[in-house]
Amino acid sequence: MKSWISFLLPNDEYKEKKMLYFFSEGAIILFLSLIVMIVCNKYFNLDVETALLAALAIFLFYVSGRYIVSGIEYTDISTERAYRKELRVIFIRTIRFVVIFMALYLIFINVPTRLDKWFEILGLLISISVVWFLSSYISLKRSYKKNKELL
């Protein structure tokens, strides 16, 4: 019998088990961070929105960070050729995201007239792209090392 959370889990049994560990570790850290925020609220005036957003960010960053550095995402990358091919795919995927985001922004929002708006949009887009590429690259590198050691 599957749980309601099963849609968040991969079909691979090993990945599923690791993800359950990550979620439960994240839940414990979330619980502890909420206790710390309750204690800190006695000394500092924290908004409810700020506390909840911080707790949510802690959970999401922990789970995604653990997933990235675990090296379980790319299970089929074990040769140098496959590694380079997947790195190229990650790079193309990131560039495609930038182009699609910019096109949709220019179509559905309006073309910014002020230079500072262009800097804001490009800064956000570049930041997101760099984080996405680096997280994918780190995950690929860890997976490649792990898979290479298993051979």
N, C-alpha and C. Protein backbone atom coordinates (compact mmCIF):
# COMPACT_ATOMS: atom_id res chain seq x y z
N MET A 1 0.84 -1.18 0.00
CA MET A 1 0.00 0.00 0.00
C MET A 1 0.89 1.25 0.00
N LYS A 2 0.62 2.13 -0.93
CA LYS A 2 1.42 3.33 -1.09
C LYS A 2 0.88 4.45 -0.20
N SER A 3 1.79 5.29 0.25
CA SER A 3 1.44 6.44 1.07
C SER A 3 1.06 7.62 0.17
N TRP A 4 0.49 8.64 0.75
CA TRP A 4 0.13 9.83 -0.02
C TRP A 4 1.37 10.57 -0.49
N ILE A 5 2.51 10.33 0.12
CA ILE A 5 3.74 11.02 -0.25
C ILE A 5 4.48 10.30 -1.37
N SER A 6 3.98 9.18 -1.82
CA SER A 6 4.68 8.36 -2.81
C SER A 6 4.87 9.07 -4.14
N PHE A 7 4.07 10.09 -4.45
CA PHE A 7 4.25 10.81 -5.70
C PHE A 7 5.53 11.65 -5.69
N LEU A 8 6.09 11.93 -4.52
CA LEU A 8 7.34 12.67 -4.41
C LEU A 8 8.57 11.77 -4.53
N LEU A 9 8.35 10.48 -4.46
CA LEU A 9 9.46 9.54 -4.42
C LEU A 9 9.71 8.90 -5.78
N PRO A 10 10.97 8.60 -6.08
CA PRO A 10 11.29 7.93 -7.34
C PRO A 10 10.86 6.47 -7.33
N ASN A 11 10.83 5.85 -8.49
CA ASN A 11 10.43 4.44 -8.60
C ASN A 11 11.54 3.49 -8.19
N ASP A 12 12.78 3.94 -8.29
CA ASP A 12 13.92 3.12 -7.90
C ASP A 12 13.92 2.93 -6.38
N GLU A 13 14.02 1.69 -5.92
CA GLU A 13 13.92 1.37 -4.49
C GLU A 13 15.03 2.01 -3.66
N TYR A 14 16.26 2.00 -4.20
CA TYR A 14 17.39 2.60 -3.49
C TYR A 14 17.22 4.11 -3.35
N LYS A 15 16.83 4.76 -4.46
CA LYS A 15 16.60 6.21 -4.42
C LYS A 15 15.45 6.55 -3.48
N GLU A 16 14.41 5.72 -3.52
CA GLU A 16 13.25 5.95 -2.66
C GLU A 16 13.65 5.91 -1.18
N LYS A 17 14.43 4.92 -0.82
CA LYS A 17 14.87 4.79 0.57
C LYS A 17 15.73 5.98 0.99
N LYS A 18 16.66 6.39 0.12
CA LYS A 18 17.50 7.54 0.42
C LYS A 18 16.67 8.82 0.56
N MET A 19 15.71 8.99 -0.33
CA MET A 19 14.86 10.19 -0.27
C MET A 19 14.03 10.21 1.02
N LEU A 20 13.56 9.06 1.46
CA LEU A 20 12.84 8.99 2.73
C LEU A 20 13.74 9.40 3.90
N TYR A 21 15.00 8.98 3.84
CA TYR A 21 15.96 9.42 4.86
C TYR A 21 16.12 10.95 4.81
N PHE A 22 16.26 11.50 3.61
CA PHE A 22 16.44 12.94 3.48
C PHE A 22 15.23 13.71 4.01
N PHE A 23 14.03 13.21 3.66
CA PHE A 23 12.81 13.88 4.15
C PHE A 23 12.70 13.80 5.67
N SER A 24 13.02 12.66 6.24
CA SER A 24 12.91 12.53 7.69
C SER A 24 13.99 13.35 8.40
N GLU A 25 15.20 13.38 7.87
CA GLU A 25 16.24 14.24 8.45
C GLU A 25 15.82 15.70 8.36
N GLY A 26 15.27 16.09 7.20
CA GLY A 26 14.79 17.46 7.02
C GLY A 26 13.66 17.80 7.98
N ALA A 27 12.78 16.83 8.24
CA ALA A 27 11.67 17.07 9.18
C ALA A 27 12.20 17.28 10.60
N ILE A 28 13.20 16.53 10.99
CA ILE A 28 13.80 16.71 12.32
C ILE A 28 14.47 18.07 12.42
N ILE A 29 15.20 18.46 11.39
CA ILE A 29 15.84 19.78 11.38
C ILE A 29 14.78 20.89 11.37
N LEU A 30 13.71 20.68 10.65
CA LEU A 30 12.60 21.64 10.64
C LEU A 30 12.02 21.79 12.03
N PHE A 31 11.78 20.69 12.70
CA PHE A 31 11.24 20.71 14.06
C PHE A 31 12.17 21.45 15.01
N LEU A 32 13.47 21.15 14.93
CA LEU A 32 14.44 21.81 15.80
C LEU A 32 14.54 23.31 15.49
N SER A 33 14.47 23.66 14.22
CA SER A 33 14.53 25.09 13.87
C SER A 33 13.31 25.84 14.37
N LEU A 34 12.15 25.19 14.36
CA LEU A 34 10.96 25.83 14.90
C LEU A 34 11.07 26.03 16.41
N ILE A 35 11.66 25.08 17.10
CA ILE A 35 11.88 25.24 18.54
C ILE A 35 12.85 26.39 18.80
N VAL A 36 13.92 26.47 18.01
CA VAL A 36 14.87 27.57 18.16
C VAL A 36 14.18 28.91 17.90
N MET A 37 13.31 28.95 16.90
CA MET A 37 12.58 30.20 16.61
C MET A 37 11.63 30.58 17.72
N ILE A 38 11.01 29.59 18.37
CA ILE A 38 10.14 29.88 19.50
C ILE A 38 10.94 30.49 20.64
N VAL A 39 12.10 29.92 20.90
CA VAL A 39 12.97 30.45 21.96
C VAL A 39 13.47 31.85 21.58
N CYS A 40 13.90 32.01 20.33
CA CYS A 40 14.41 33.31 19.88
C CYS A 40 13.32 34.38 19.86
N ASN A 41 12.09 33.96 19.71
CA ASN A 41 10.98 34.92 19.68
C ASN A 41 10.81 35.62 21.02
N LYS A 42 11.29 35.01 22.10
CA LYS A 42 11.24 35.65 23.41
C LYS A 42 12.16 36.87 23.46
N TYR A 43 13.27 36.82 22.70
CA TYR A 43 14.28 37.88 22.72
C TYR A 43 14.20 38.80 21.51
N PHE A 44 13.80 38.25 20.37
CA PHE A 44 13.68 39.03 19.14
C PHE A 44 12.24 38.91 18.66
N ASN A 45 11.72 39.98 18.13
CA ASN A 45 10.35 39.96 17.63
C ASN A 45 10.36 39.44 16.18
N LEU A 46 9.98 38.18 16.00
CA LEU A 46 9.93 37.57 14.67
C LEU A 46 8.50 37.57 14.14
N ASP A 47 8.34 37.98 12.90
CA ASP A 47 7.03 37.87 12.24
C ASP A 47 6.71 36.40 12.02
N VAL A 48 5.44 36.08 12.02
CA VAL A 48 5.02 34.70 11.75
C VAL A 48 5.42 34.31 10.33
N GLU A 49 5.22 35.23 9.37
CA GLU A 49 5.56 34.94 7.99
C GLU A 49 7.05 34.68 7.83
N THR A 50 7.86 35.48 8.50
CA THR A 50 9.31 35.32 8.41
C THR A 50 9.74 33.98 9.01
N ALA A 51 9.19 33.64 10.15
CA ALA A 51 9.54 32.37 10.80
C ALA A 51 9.13 31.18 9.94
N LEU A 52 7.94 31.22 9.39
CA LEU A 52 7.48 30.11 8.55
C LEU A 52 8.27 30.01 7.25
N LEU A 53 8.58 31.16 6.66
CA LEU A 53 9.37 31.15 5.43
C LEU A 53 10.78 30.63 5.70
N ALA A 54 11.38 31.03 6.81
CA ALA A 54 12.71 30.55 7.17
C ALA A 54 12.69 29.04 7.42
N ALA A 55 11.68 28.56 8.13
CA ALA A 55 11.57 27.13 8.40
C ALA A 55 11.39 26.34 7.11
N LEU A 56 10.55 26.84 6.23
CA LEU A 56 10.33 26.18 4.94
C LEU A 56 11.62 26.17 4.12
N ALA A 57 12.34 27.29 4.10
CA ALA A 57 13.59 27.37 3.36
C ALA A 57 14.63 26.41 3.93
N ILE A 58 14.71 26.30 5.25
CA ILE A 58 15.65 25.37 5.88
C ILE A 58 15.36 23.94 5.43
N PHE A 59 14.09 23.56 5.46
CA PHE A 59 13.71 22.20 5.06
C PHE A 59 14.04 21.95 3.59
N LEU A 60 13.62 22.86 2.72
CA LEU A 60 13.83 22.66 1.29
C LEU A 60 15.31 22.67 0.91
N PHE A 61 16.09 23.58 1.49
CA PHE A 61 17.52 23.62 1.19
C PHE A 61 18.22 22.38 1.71
N TYR A 62 17.82 21.89 2.87
CA TYR A 62 18.46 20.70 3.41
C TYR A 62 18.17 19.48 2.53
N VAL A 63 16.91 19.25 2.21
CA VAL A 63 16.55 18.07 1.43
C VAL A 63 17.17 18.14 0.03
N SER A 64 17.06 19.28 -0.63
CA SER A 64 17.63 19.38 -1.97
C SER A 64 19.16 19.32 -1.93
N GLY A 65 19.77 19.92 -0.91
CA GLY A 65 21.23 19.84 -0.78
C GLY A 65 21.71 18.42 -0.56
N ARG A 66 21.02 17.70 0.29
CA ARG A 66 21.39 16.29 0.54
C ARG A 66 21.23 15.46 -0.73
N TYR A 67 20.17 15.73 -1.49
CA TYR A 67 19.94 14.99 -2.73
C TYR A 67 21.05 15.28 -3.74
N ILE A 68 21.45 16.55 -3.83
CA ILE A 68 22.48 16.95 -4.79
C ILE A 68 23.81 16.30 -4.46
N VAL A 69 24.22 16.35 -3.20
CA VAL A 69 25.55 15.83 -2.85
C VAL A 69 25.57 14.32 -2.62
N SER A 70 24.41 13.68 -2.63
CA SER A 70 24.38 12.23 -2.40
C SER A 70 24.89 11.43 -3.59
N GLY A 71 24.76 11.98 -4.79
CA GLY A 71 25.25 11.27 -5.97
C GLY A 71 24.33 10.16 -6.42
N ILE A 72 23.03 10.30 -6.21
CA ILE A 72 22.10 9.23 -6.62
C ILE A 72 21.24 9.63 -7.81
N GLU A 73 21.42 10.82 -8.34
CA GLU A 73 20.53 11.27 -9.42
C GLU A 73 20.85 10.62 -10.76
N TYR A 74 22.11 10.56 -11.11
CA TYR A 74 22.52 10.03 -12.41
C TYR A 74 23.11 8.63 -12.21
N THR A 75 22.26 7.63 -12.21
CA THR A 75 22.70 6.27 -11.92
C THR A 75 23.40 5.61 -13.11
N ASP A 76 23.16 6.10 -14.32
CA ASP A 76 23.71 5.45 -15.49
C ASP A 76 24.99 6.11 -16.02
N ILE A 77 25.52 7.09 -15.31
CA ILE A 77 26.73 7.79 -15.75
C ILE A 77 27.95 7.16 -15.05
N SER A 78 28.70 6.37 -15.81
CA SER A 78 29.88 5.73 -15.21
C SER A 78 31.10 5.81 -16.10
N THR A 79 30.96 6.30 -17.32
CA THR A 79 32.11 6.46 -18.21
C THR A 79 32.35 7.93 -18.48
N GLU A 80 33.55 8.22 -18.91
CA GLU A 80 33.93 9.62 -19.22
C GLU A 80 33.07 10.17 -20.35
N ARG A 81 32.79 9.33 -21.32
CA ARG A 81 31.98 9.75 -22.47
C ARG A 81 30.55 10.09 -22.04
N ALA A 82 29.95 9.25 -21.21
CA ALA A 82 28.60 9.50 -20.73
C ALA A 82 28.57 10.75 -19.85
N TYR A 83 29.64 10.94 -19.07
CA TYR A 83 29.74 12.13 -18.20
C TYR A 83 29.77 13.40 -19.04
N ARG A 84 30.60 13.42 -20.07
CA ARG A 84 30.70 14.61 -20.92
C ARG A 84 29.40 14.86 -21.67
N LYS A 85 28.76 13.80 -22.13
CA LYS A 85 27.49 13.94 -22.84
C LYS A 85 26.42 14.53 -21.92
N GLU A 86 26.35 14.04 -20.69
CA GLU A 86 25.36 14.54 -19.74
C GLU A 86 25.67 15.98 -19.33
N LEU A 87 26.94 16.33 -19.23
CA LEU A 87 27.34 17.70 -18.92
C LEU A 87 26.88 18.64 -20.03
N ARG A 88 27.03 18.21 -21.26
CA ARG A 88 26.54 18.99 -22.40
C ARG A 88 25.03 19.15 -22.34
N VAL A 89 24.32 18.08 -21.97
CA VAL A 89 22.86 18.15 -21.85
C VAL A 89 22.46 19.15 -20.77
N ILE A 90 23.16 19.13 -19.65
CA ILE A 90 22.86 20.08 -18.56
C ILE A 90 23.08 21.51 -19.02
N PHE A 91 24.18 21.74 -19.74
CA PHE A 91 24.48 23.08 -20.24
C PHE A 91 23.40 23.54 -21.22
N ILE A 92 23.01 22.67 -22.15
CA ILE A 92 21.98 23.03 -23.13
C ILE A 92 20.65 23.27 -22.45
N ARG A 93 20.31 22.45 -21.45
CA ARG A 93 19.08 22.63 -20.70
C ARG A 93 19.04 23.99 -19.99
N THR A 94 20.16 24.40 -19.44
CA THR A 94 20.24 25.69 -18.77
C THR A 94 20.08 26.84 -19.76
N ILE A 95 20.76 26.75 -20.88
CA ILE A 95 20.65 27.79 -21.91
C ILE A 95 19.21 27.86 -22.45
N ARG A 96 18.60 26.71 -22.64
CA ARG A 96 17.22 26.66 -23.12
C ARG A 96 16.27 27.32 -22.11
N PHE A 97 16.51 27.09 -20.82
CA PHE A 97 15.71 27.73 -19.78
C PHE A 97 15.83 29.25 -19.87
N VAL A 98 17.04 29.75 -20.04
CA VAL A 98 17.26 31.20 -20.13
C VAL A 98 16.50 31.78 -21.32
N VAL A 99 16.61 31.14 -22.47
CA VAL A 99 15.95 31.64 -23.68
C VAL A 99 14.43 31.59 -23.53
N ILE A 100 13.89 30.49 -23.03
CA ILE A 100 12.44 30.36 -22.87
C ILE A 100 11.92 31.35 -21.84
N PHE A 101 12.61 31.48 -20.72
CA PHE A 101 12.19 32.43 -19.70
C PHE A 101 12.16 33.85 -20.25
N MET A 102 13.22 34.25 -20.95
CA MET A 102 13.29 35.60 -21.49
C MET A 102 12.20 35.82 -22.53
N ALA A 103 11.96 34.83 -23.39
CA ALA A 103 10.92 34.97 -24.41
C ALA A 103 9.55 35.10 -23.78
N LEU A 104 9.25 34.24 -22.80
CA LEU A 104 7.95 34.31 -22.14
C LEU A 104 7.79 35.61 -21.34
N TYR A 105 8.86 36.07 -20.75
CA TYR A 105 8.80 37.32 -20.00
C TYR A 105 8.50 38.48 -20.95
N LEU A 106 9.16 38.50 -22.09
CA LEU A 106 8.94 39.59 -23.03
C LEU A 106 7.57 39.51 -23.70
N ILE A 107 7.01 38.30 -23.82
CA ILE A 107 5.68 38.15 -24.43
C ILE A 107 4.58 38.51 -23.44
N PHE A 108 4.62 37.94 -22.24
CA PHE A 108 3.50 38.09 -21.31
C PHE A 108 3.61 39.30 -20.38
N ILE A 109 4.79 39.67 -20.02
CA ILE A 109 4.98 40.89 -19.26
C ILE A 109 5.30 41.92 -20.34
N ASN A 110 5.77 43.05 -20.00
CA ASN A 110 6.11 43.98 -21.06
C ASN A 110 7.63 44.16 -21.13
N VAL A 111 8.06 44.73 -22.22
CA VAL A 111 9.49 44.98 -22.39
C VAL A 111 9.86 46.11 -21.44
N PRO A 112 10.84 45.86 -20.57
CA PRO A 112 11.23 46.92 -19.63
C PRO A 112 11.78 48.14 -20.36
N THR A 113 11.35 49.29 -19.93
CA THR A 113 11.81 50.52 -20.57
C THR A 113 12.99 51.12 -19.83
N ARG A 114 13.08 50.86 -18.55
CA ARG A 114 14.18 51.41 -17.76
C ARG A 114 15.32 50.41 -17.69
N LEU A 115 16.53 50.94 -17.65
CA LEU A 115 17.72 50.11 -17.61
C LEU A 115 17.82 49.31 -16.32
N ASP A 116 17.38 49.87 -15.19
CA ASP A 116 17.46 49.16 -13.92
C ASP A 116 16.53 47.94 -13.90
N LYS A 117 15.41 47.99 -14.60
CA LYS A 117 14.52 46.83 -14.70
C LYS A 117 15.19 45.70 -15.48
N TRP A 118 15.92 46.05 -16.53
CA TRP A 118 16.66 45.05 -17.29
C TRP A 118 17.69 44.36 -16.41
N PHE A 119 18.40 45.17 -15.58
CA PHE A 119 19.39 44.60 -14.68
C PHE A 119 18.75 43.66 -13.66
N GLU A 120 17.58 44.03 -13.17
CA GLU A 120 16.87 43.18 -12.21
C GLU A 120 16.49 41.84 -12.84
N ILE A 121 15.92 41.90 -14.01
CA ILE A 121 15.47 40.68 -14.70
C ILE A 121 16.67 39.80 -15.07
N LEU A 122 17.68 40.41 -15.65
CA LEU A 122 18.86 39.64 -16.04
C LEU A 122 19.62 39.11 -14.83
N GLY A 123 19.67 39.89 -13.76
CA GLY A 123 20.32 39.42 -12.54
C GLY A 123 19.60 38.22 -11.95
N LEU A 124 18.28 38.27 -11.90
CA LEU A 124 17.48 37.14 -11.41
C LEU A 124 17.67 35.93 -12.30
N LEU A 125 17.59 36.14 -13.59
CA LEU A 125 17.71 35.04 -14.55
C LEU A 125 19.09 34.39 -14.49
N ILE A 126 20.12 35.19 -14.43
CA ILE A 126 21.48 34.66 -14.36
C ILE A 126 21.71 33.94 -13.04
N SER A 127 21.21 34.50 -11.95
CA SER A 127 21.36 33.86 -10.64
C SER A 127 20.70 32.48 -10.62
N ILE A 128 19.46 32.41 -11.08
CA ILE A 128 18.74 31.14 -11.11
C ILE A 128 19.45 30.14 -12.02
N SER A 129 19.91 30.61 -13.17
CA SER A 129 20.60 29.72 -14.11
C SER A 129 21.89 29.18 -13.53
N VAL A 130 22.67 30.03 -12.87
CA VAL A 130 23.93 29.59 -12.28
C VAL A 130 23.68 28.57 -11.17
N VAL A 131 22.70 28.84 -10.31
CA VAL A 131 22.38 27.90 -9.23
C VAL A 131 21.91 26.57 -9.80
N TRP A 132 21.06 26.62 -10.81
CA TRP A 132 20.55 25.40 -11.43
C TRP A 132 21.70 24.60 -12.08
N PHE A 133 22.55 25.31 -12.84
CA PHE A 133 23.66 24.62 -13.49
C PHE A 133 24.62 24.02 -12.47
N LEU A 134 24.97 24.80 -11.45
CA LEU A 134 25.92 24.30 -10.44
C LEU A 134 25.36 23.12 -9.66
N SER A 135 24.08 23.18 -9.31
CA SER A 135 23.49 22.05 -8.58
C SER A 135 23.46 20.80 -9.45
N SER A 136 23.12 20.95 -10.72
CA SER A 136 23.12 19.81 -11.64
C SER A 136 24.54 19.29 -11.85
N TYR A 137 25.50 20.20 -11.97
CA TYR A 137 26.89 19.82 -12.19
C TYR A 137 27.44 19.06 -10.97
N ILE A 138 27.18 19.58 -9.78
CA ILE A 138 27.66 18.92 -8.56
C ILE A 138 27.04 17.54 -8.44
N SER A 139 25.75 17.44 -8.71
CA SER A 139 25.07 16.15 -8.65
C SER A 139 25.65 15.18 -9.67
N LEU A 140 25.90 15.67 -10.88
CA LEU A 140 26.49 14.82 -11.92
C LEU A 140 27.88 14.37 -11.53
N LYS A 141 28.69 15.28 -11.02
CA LYS A 141 30.06 14.96 -10.63
C LYS A 141 30.07 13.91 -9.51
N ARG A 142 29.22 14.09 -8.51
CA ARG A 142 29.13 13.12 -7.40
C ARG A 142 28.65 11.76 -7.90
N SER A 143 27.64 11.78 -8.76
CA SER A 143 27.12 10.52 -9.30
C SER A 143 28.18 9.81 -10.12
N TYR A 144 28.91 10.56 -10.93
CA TYR A 144 29.96 9.97 -11.76
C TYR A 144 31.03 9.32 -10.89
N LYS A 145 31.49 10.03 -9.86
CA LYS A 145 32.50 9.47 -8.96
C LYS A 145 31.98 8.22 -8.26
N LYS A 146 30.75 8.29 -7.78
CA LYS A 146 30.17 7.15 -7.06
C LYS A 146 30.01 5.95 -7.98
N ASN A 147 29.49 6.16 -9.17
CA ASN A 147 29.29 5.07 -10.13
C ASN A 147 30.61 4.50 -10.60
N LYS A 148 31.61 5.35 -10.76
CA LYS A 148 32.93 4.89 -11.18
C LYS A 148 33.57 4.00 -10.11
N GLU A 149 33.38 4.35 -8.84
CA GLU A 149 33.91 3.53 -7.76
C GLU A 149 33.21 2.18 -7.66
N LEU A 150 31.93 2.13 -8.02
CA LEU A 150 31.19 0.89 -7.94
C LEU A 150 31.60 -0.13 -8.99
N LEU A 151 32.17 0.38 -10.09
CA LEU A 151 32.58 -0.53 -11.17
C LEU A 151 33.81 -1.30 -10.84
